[in-house]
Amino acid sequence: WIDNPGNGVSASAGIHVRGKTAQEELAILRAREEFAKRFGVKIEAAQTTTTTVAGGRSSTVGSQVSHEALRQVDVRAEVKAKWRDPNSDVLWVWLVPSAP
């Protein structure tokens, strides 16, 4: 389903500084954005990362903002499957249409 998601979409996220839950949320967000594009939903997303180095220590802070503009479209989807690549720790999700 990663290479051939059928009527759904697949998306991934690499290792996340805030852990596996944040990694899963990012993968699902990416899948939702791709899924919504199919239905004419306009999505604007911006992601920023700032790294600060002081006294030999570094810290990285990231944030993501997503805005969806709907045009009387009801888009329903659900996560059908998840898979974590054991070699790279990349998480893949498969999002498919859900019943109304």
C-alpha atoms as a PDB file:
ATOM      1  CA  TRP A   1       0.000   0.000   0.000  1.00  0.00           C
ATOM      2  CA  ILE A   2       2.982   2.347   0.309  1.00  0.00           C
ATOM      3  CA  ASP A   3       3.712   2.332  -3.416  1.00  0.00           C
ATOM      4  CA  ASN A   4       0.148   1.614  -4.531  1.00  0.00           C
ATOM      5  CA  PRO A   5      -2.336   3.146  -2.047  1.00  0.00           C
ATOM      6  CA  GLY A   6      -5.377   2.585  -4.276  1.00  0.00           C
ATOM      7  CA  ASN A   7      -8.076   5.167  -3.566  1.00  0.00           C
ATOM      8  CA  GLY A   8      -6.206   6.255  -0.437  1.00  0.00           C
ATOM      9  CA  VAL A   9      -2.862   7.962   0.102  1.00  0.00           C
ATOM     10  CA  SER A  10       0.343   7.015   1.866  1.00  0.00           C
ATOM     11  CA  ALA A  11       2.678   9.435   3.613  1.00  0.00           C
ATOM     12  CA  SER A  12       5.699   9.189   5.863  1.00  0.00           C
ATOM     13  CA  ALA A  13       7.591  10.993   8.592  1.00  0.00           C
ATOM     14  CA  GLY A  14      11.139  10.463   9.781  1.00  0.00           C
ATOM     15  CA  ILE A  15      12.416  10.522  13.334  1.00  0.00           C
ATOM     16  CA  HIS A  16      10.847  13.422  15.257  1.00  0.00           C
ATOM     17  CA  VAL A  17      12.534  15.322  18.092  1.00  0.00           C
ATOM     18  CA  ARG A  18       9.328  15.106  20.171  1.00  0.00           C
ATOM     19  CA  GLY A  19       9.058  11.344  19.879  1.00  0.00           C
ATOM     20  CA  LYS A  20       6.965   8.696  18.183  1.00  0.00           C
ATOM     21  CA  THR A  21       3.587  10.326  18.874  1.00  0.00           C
ATOM     22  CA  ALA A  22       4.669  13.553  17.159  1.00  0.00           C
ATOM     23  CA  GLN A  23       6.127  11.495  14.308  1.00  0.00           C
ATOM     24  CA  GLU A  24       2.771   9.749  13.829  1.00  0.00           C
ATOM     25  CA  GLU A  25       0.865  13.049  13.979  1.00  0.00           C
ATOM     26  CA  LEU A  26       3.151  14.498  11.288  1.00  0.00           C
ATOM     27  CA  ALA A  27       2.736  11.469   9.002  1.00  0.00           C
ATOM     28  CA  ILE A  28      -1.067  11.637   9.378  1.00  0.00           C
ATOM     29  CA  LEU A  29      -1.063  15.404   8.750  1.00  0.00           C
ATOM     30  CA  ARG A  30       0.922  14.891   5.550  1.00  0.00           C
ATOM     31  CA  ALA A  31      -1.459  12.144   4.427  1.00  0.00           C
ATOM     32  CA  ARG A  32      -4.522  14.305   5.203  1.00  0.00           C
ATOM     33  CA  GLU A  33      -3.074  17.175   3.192  1.00  0.00           C
ATOM     34  CA  GLU A  34      -2.474  14.935   0.185  1.00  0.00           C
ATOM     35  CA  PHE A  35      -5.883  13.275   0.548  1.00  0.00           C
ATOM     36  CA  ALA A  36      -7.676  16.613   0.790  1.00  0.00           C
ATOM     37  CA  LYS A  37      -6.015  17.897  -2.394  1.00  0.00           C
ATOM     38  CA  ARG A  38      -7.973  15.268  -4.323  1.00  0.00           C
ATOM     39  CA  PHE A  39     -11.214  16.940  -3.241  1.00  0.00           C
ATOM     40  CA  GLY A  40     -10.246  20.501  -4.072  1.00  0.00           C
ATOM     41  CA  VAL A  41      -9.430  21.515  -0.522  1.00  0.00           C
ATOM     42  CA  LYS A  42      -6.788  24.213  -0.461  1.00  0.00           C
ATOM     43  CA  ILE A  43      -4.171  23.630   2.217  1.00  0.00           C
ATOM     44  CA  GLU A  44      -1.384  25.989   3.137  1.00  0.00           C
ATOM     45  CA  ALA A  45       1.296  24.666   5.442  1.00  0.00           C
ATOM     46  CA  ALA A  46       4.438  26.264   6.805  1.00  0.00           C
ATOM     47  CA  GLN A  47       7.119  24.590   8.857  1.00  0.00           C
ATOM     48  CA  THR A  48       9.974  26.356  10.635  1.00  0.00           C
ATOM     49  CA  THR A  49      12.978  25.013  12.490  1.00  0.00           C
ATOM     50  CA  THR A  50      15.340  27.119  14.586  1.00  0.00           C
ATOM     51  CA  THR A  51      18.626  25.848  15.977  1.00  0.00           C
ATOM     52  CA  THR A  52      20.468  27.776  18.682  1.00  0.00           C
ATOM     53  CA  VAL A  53      24.053  27.062  19.728  1.00  0.00           C
ATOM     54  CA  ALA A  54      25.383  28.521  22.976  1.00  0.00           C
ATOM     55  CA  GLY A  55      28.222  27.373  25.184  1.00  0.00           C
ATOM     56  CA  GLY A  56      28.809  24.193  23.206  1.00  0.00           C
ATOM     57  CA  ARG A  57      25.164  23.113  23.489  1.00  0.00           C
ATOM     58  CA  SER A  58      22.556  23.232  20.786  1.00  0.00           C
ATOM     59  CA  SER A  59      18.795  23.180  20.890  1.00  0.00           C
ATOM     60  CA  THR A  60      16.331  22.879  18.037  1.00  0.00           C
ATOM     61  CA  VAL A  61      12.744  24.089  18.075  1.00  0.00           C
ATOM     62  CA  GLY A  62      10.294  23.393  15.281  1.00  0.00           C
ATOM     63  CA  SER A  63       6.728  24.383  14.566  1.00  0.00           C
ATOM     64  CA  GLN A  64       4.193  23.718  11.851  1.00  0.00           C
ATOM     65  CA  VAL A  65       1.094  25.659  10.916  1.00  0.00           C
ATOM     66  CA  SER A  66      -1.541  24.291   8.579  1.00  0.00           C
ATOM     67  CA  HIS A  67      -4.602  26.115   7.239  1.00  0.00           C
ATOM     68  CA  GLU A  68      -7.367  24.384   5.305  1.00  0.00           C
ATOM     69  CA  ALA A  69      -9.898  26.267   3.186  1.00  0.00           C
ATOM     70  CA  LEU A  70     -12.968  24.137   2.534  1.00  0.00           C
ATOM     71  CA  ARG A  71     -15.554  24.690  -0.164  1.00  0.00           C
ATOM     72  CA  GLN A  72     -18.607  22.809   1.132  1.00  0.00           C
ATOM     73  CA  VAL A  73     -16.679  19.563   0.846  1.00  0.00           C
ATOM     74  CA  ASP A  74     -16.965  16.894   3.508  1.00  0.00           C
ATOM     75  CA  VAL A  75     -13.745  14.886   3.439  1.00  0.00           C
ATOM     76  CA  ARG A  76     -13.685  11.844   5.690  1.00  0.00           C
ATOM     77  CA  ALA A  77     -10.704   9.556   5.991  1.00  0.00           C
ATOM     78  CA  GLU A  78      -9.238   7.069   8.420  1.00  0.00           C
ATOM     79  CA  VAL A  79      -5.863   5.487   9.010  1.00  0.00           C
ATOM     80  CA  LYS A  80      -6.075   1.980   7.572  1.00  0.00           C
ATOM     81  CA  ALA A  81      -2.509   0.849   8.332  1.00  0.00           C
ATOM     82  CA  LYS A  82       0.810   1.974   9.810  1.00  0.00           C
ATOM     83  CA  TRP A  83       4.282   0.589   9.201  1.00  0.00           C
ATOM     84  CA  ARG A  84       7.628   1.561  10.717  1.00  0.00           C
ATOM     85  CA  ASP A  85      10.747   0.832   8.643  1.00  0.00           C
ATOM     86  CA  PRO A  86      13.026  -0.990  11.096  1.00  0.00           C
ATOM     87  CA  ASN A  87      16.188   0.230   9.312  1.00  0.00           C
ATOM     88  CA  SER A  88      15.442   3.962   9.072  1.00  0.00           C
ATOM     89  CA  ASP A  89      12.718   4.356  11.764  1.00  0.00           C
ATOM     90  CA  VAL A  90      10.548   6.128   9.159  1.00  0.00           C
ATOM     91  CA  LEU A  91       6.831   5.749   9.908  1.00  0.00           C
ATOM     92  CA  TRP A  92       4.414   5.233   6.997  1.00  0.00           C
ATOM     93  CA  VAL A  93       0.639   5.664   7.260  1.00  0.00           C
ATOM     94  CA  TRP A  94      -2.102   4.683   4.819  1.00  0.00           C
ATOM     95  CA  LEU A  95      -5.148   6.956   4.819  1.00  0.00           C
ATOM     96  CA  VAL A  96      -8.315   5.734   3.078  1.00  0.00           C
ATOM     97  CA  PRO A  97     -11.832   7.171   2.635  1.00  0.00           C
ATOM     98  CA  SER A  98     -14.123   6.382   5.556  1.00  0.00           C
ATOM     99  CA  ALA A  99     -17.849   5.813   5.523  1.00  0.00           C
ATOM    100  CA  PRO A 100     -20.032   8.863   6.286  1.00  0.00           C
END
